């Protein structure tokens, strides 16, 4: 991913990011610098927080990147998967019910969620819920559409 441009965000855009992350994830993000990055060869809308790619816009909604989730641990909208799901989720697969051990009950269909693995508590992916949180644990079916995961081009991006 080649950087086309970088520019500092205005204070109202920073306030929107901080409010959205607090409301949706229970994350208190505060930093000295917020820079939006545009790429020549990618459609990702990324915000560098103090120089690190911690926030991305998904359908105009600010949300944490995988790196952001591992830096600022979300308290809400978390879906936890078992060890058997780790390799699939890390390869960008959508999340299936049999791999889920727990999902926040406040998740609604269409919400952005973070995917956490139960063994070490690391975050592996960001996705879009295809069903409500209470319906995510079960025997079969896709329940989260993967949007961003460890090992993808955004995860590997560094400034």
Protein backbone atom coordinates (compact mmCIF):
# COMPACT_ATOMS: atom_id res chain seq x y z
CA UNK A 1 0.00 0.00 0.00
CA UNK A 2 1.52 3.26 -1.15
CA UNK A 3 0.59 6.43 0.71
CA UNK A 4 -0.84 9.08 -1.59
CA UNK A 5 -1.40 11.75 1.06
CA UNK A 6 -1.63 12.36 4.80
CA UNK A 7 -3.42 15.19 6.52
CA UNK A 8 -4.28 16.05 10.11
CA UNK A 9 -7.93 15.76 11.05
CA UNK A 10 -9.90 18.72 12.32
CA UNK A 11 -10.97 18.69 15.94
CA UNK A 12 -14.62 17.91 15.09
CA UNK A 13 -13.54 14.80 13.13
CA UNK A 14 -11.34 13.74 16.06
CA UNK A 15 -14.29 14.23 18.43
CA UNK A 16 -16.46 12.06 16.15
CA UNK A 17 -13.87 9.27 16.21
CA UNK A 18 -13.39 9.40 19.96
CA UNK A 19 -17.16 9.48 20.61
CA UNK A 20 -17.88 6.60 18.22
CA UNK A 21 -15.18 4.40 19.74
CA UNK A 22 -16.36 5.17 23.28
CA UNK A 23 -20.03 4.53 22.44
CA UNK A 24 -19.59 1.43 20.29
CA UNK A 25 -16.60 -0.27 21.93
CA UNK A 26 -16.14 1.29 25.35
CA UNK A 27 -12.69 2.51 24.26
CA UNK A 28 -11.25 5.74 25.61
CA UNK A 29 -8.98 6.95 22.83
CA UNK A 30 -7.06 10.15 23.23
CA UNK A 31 -3.92 11.10 21.38
CA UNK A 32 -1.81 14.03 20.29
CA UNK A 33 -2.09 13.36 16.57
CA UNK A 34 -4.79 12.05 14.22
CA UNK A 35 -3.87 11.86 10.53
CA UNK A 36 -6.05 10.50 7.75
CA UNK A 37 -4.14 8.52 5.14
CA UNK A 38 -5.13 8.13 1.51
CA UNK A 39 -3.55 5.33 -0.50
CA UNK A 40 -2.72 5.15 -4.20
CA UNK A 41 -3.53 1.47 -4.46
CA UNK A 42 -6.20 0.75 -1.82
CA UNK A 43 -9.67 1.86 -0.78
CA UNK A 44 -8.94 1.66 2.96
CA UNK A 45 -9.70 4.89 4.87
CA UNK A 46 -7.19 4.77 7.71
CA UNK A 47 -6.43 7.15 10.57
CA UNK A 48 -2.98 7.18 12.10
CA UNK A 49 -3.26 7.78 15.83
CA UNK A 50 0.09 9.11 17.08
CA UNK A 51 1.60 7.56 13.94
CA UNK A 52 0.04 4.08 14.18
CA UNK A 53 -2.83 2.78 12.00
CA UNK A 54 -5.34 2.29 14.82
CA UNK A 55 -8.61 3.49 13.24
CA UNK A 56 -10.31 2.79 9.94
CA UNK A 57 -13.56 3.91 8.42
CA UNK A 58 -15.93 1.14 7.38
CA UNK A 59 -18.89 2.53 5.45
CA UNK A 60 -18.09 6.00 6.89
CA UNK A 61 -18.14 4.61 10.46
CA UNK A 62 -14.92 4.96 12.51
CA UNK A 63 -13.82 1.68 14.08
CA UNK A 64 -10.62 0.15 15.41
CA UNK A 65 -8.21 -1.76 13.20
CA UNK A 66 -6.96 -5.12 14.50
CA UNK A 67 -3.85 -3.28 15.71
CA UNK A 68 -6.09 -0.68 17.35
CA UNK A 69 -8.10 -3.37 19.14
CA UNK A 70 -4.93 -4.98 20.44
CA UNK A 71 -3.67 -1.57 21.64
CA UNK A 72 -6.97 -0.27 23.11
CA UNK A 73 -8.94 -3.28 24.34
CA UNK A 74 -12.64 -3.06 23.42
CA UNK A 75 -15.16 -3.71 26.17
CA UNK A 76 -18.21 -4.00 23.90
CA UNK A 77 -19.12 -5.61 20.56
CA UNK A 78 -16.68 -8.47 21.14
CA UNK A 79 -17.12 -11.94 19.62
CA UNK A 80 -14.83 -14.64 21.07
CA UNK A 81 -13.72 -17.67 19.07
CA UNK A 82 -12.10 -20.93 20.15
CA UNK A 83 -8.61 -22.11 19.22
CA UNK A 84 -9.93 -24.15 16.29
CA UNK A 85 -11.19 -21.01 14.55
CA UNK A 86 -7.97 -19.00 14.82
CA UNK A 87 -6.33 -20.15 11.57
CA UNK A 88 -9.53 -19.62 9.56
CA UNK A 89 -10.22 -16.16 11.02
CA UNK A 90 -6.56 -15.18 10.52
CA UNK A 91 -6.87 -16.12 6.84
CA UNK A 92 -9.86 -13.80 6.42
CA UNK A 93 -12.66 -16.36 6.62
CA UNK A 94 -16.08 -15.28 7.78
CA UNK A 95 -16.87 -16.36 11.34
CA UNK A 96 -19.06 -19.43 11.76
CA UNK A 97 -21.27 -20.30 14.74
CA UNK A 98 -19.42 -23.50 15.74
CA UNK A 99 -16.19 -21.54 16.39
CA UNK A 100 -17.82 -18.93 18.62
CA UNK A 101 -17.66 -19.43 22.38
CA UNK A 102 -19.17 -16.10 23.40
CA UNK A 103 -20.70 -12.96 21.90
CA UNK A 104 -21.84 -9.75 23.56
CA UNK A 105 -25.59 -9.69 23.94
CA UNK A 106 -25.76 -6.01 22.91
CA UNK A 107 -24.60 -6.81 19.35
CA UNK A 108 -27.30 -6.18 16.75
CA UNK A 109 -27.34 -7.43 13.17
CA UNK A 110 -25.30 -5.02 11.05
CA UNK A 111 -23.05 -3.83 13.89
CA UNK A 112 -19.29 -3.80 13.49
CA UNK A 113 -17.62 -6.25 15.88
CA UNK A 114 -14.13 -7.29 16.95
CA UNK A 115 -13.11 -10.95 16.91
CA UNK A 116 -11.11 -12.13 19.91
CA UNK A 117 -9.50 -15.52 20.50
CA UNK A 118 -10.19 -17.09 23.87
CA UNK A 119 -6.76 -18.57 24.64
CA UNK A 120 -4.60 -15.44 24.74
CA UNK A 121 -7.14 -12.64 24.42
CA UNK A 122 -5.68 -11.32 21.15
CA UNK A 123 -7.88 -9.68 18.56
CA UNK A 124 -7.78 -11.32 15.14
CA UNK A 125 -10.32 -9.55 12.96
CA UNK A 126 -12.96 -6.89 12.46
CA UNK A 127 -16.28 -7.87 10.96
CA UNK A 128 -19.92 -7.02 10.37
CA UNK A 129 -22.50 -8.98 12.42
CA UNK A 130 -24.94 -10.95 10.28
CA UNK A 131 -27.17 -11.71 13.27
CA UNK A 132 -27.76 -10.48 16.82
CA UNK A 133 -25.25 -11.36 19.56
CA UNK A 134 -27.50 -13.82 21.43
CA UNK A 135 -27.95 -15.81 18.18
CA UNK A 136 -24.23 -16.11 17.39
CA UNK A 137 -23.40 -19.18 19.45
CA UNK A 138 -24.71 -22.38 17.90
CA UNK A 139 -24.22 -25.31 15.58
CA UNK A 140 -24.01 -23.97 12.02
CA UNK A 141 -24.00 -20.95 9.76
CA UNK A 142 -22.05 -17.74 9.11
CA UNK A 143 -22.67 -15.04 11.66
CA UNK A 144 -19.93 -12.43 11.05
CA UNK A 145 -18.67 -11.19 7.67
CA UNK A 146 -14.92 -10.54 7.89
CA UNK A 147 -13.83 -7.01 6.92
CA UNK A 148 -10.20 -6.80 8.14
CA UNK A 149 -7.96 -9.45 9.69
CA UNK A 150 -4.43 -10.18 10.86
CA UNK A 151 -2.14 -10.68 7.90
CA UNK A 152 -4.11 -8.59 5.38
CA UNK A 153 -2.57 -5.57 3.64
CA UNK A 154 -3.87 -3.13 6.25
CA UNK A 155 -2.50 -5.23 9.13
CA UNK A 156 0.90 -5.36 7.40
CA UNK A 157 0.89 -1.60 6.66
CA UNK A 158 3.47 0.51 8.45
CA UNK A 159 4.33 4.15 7.97
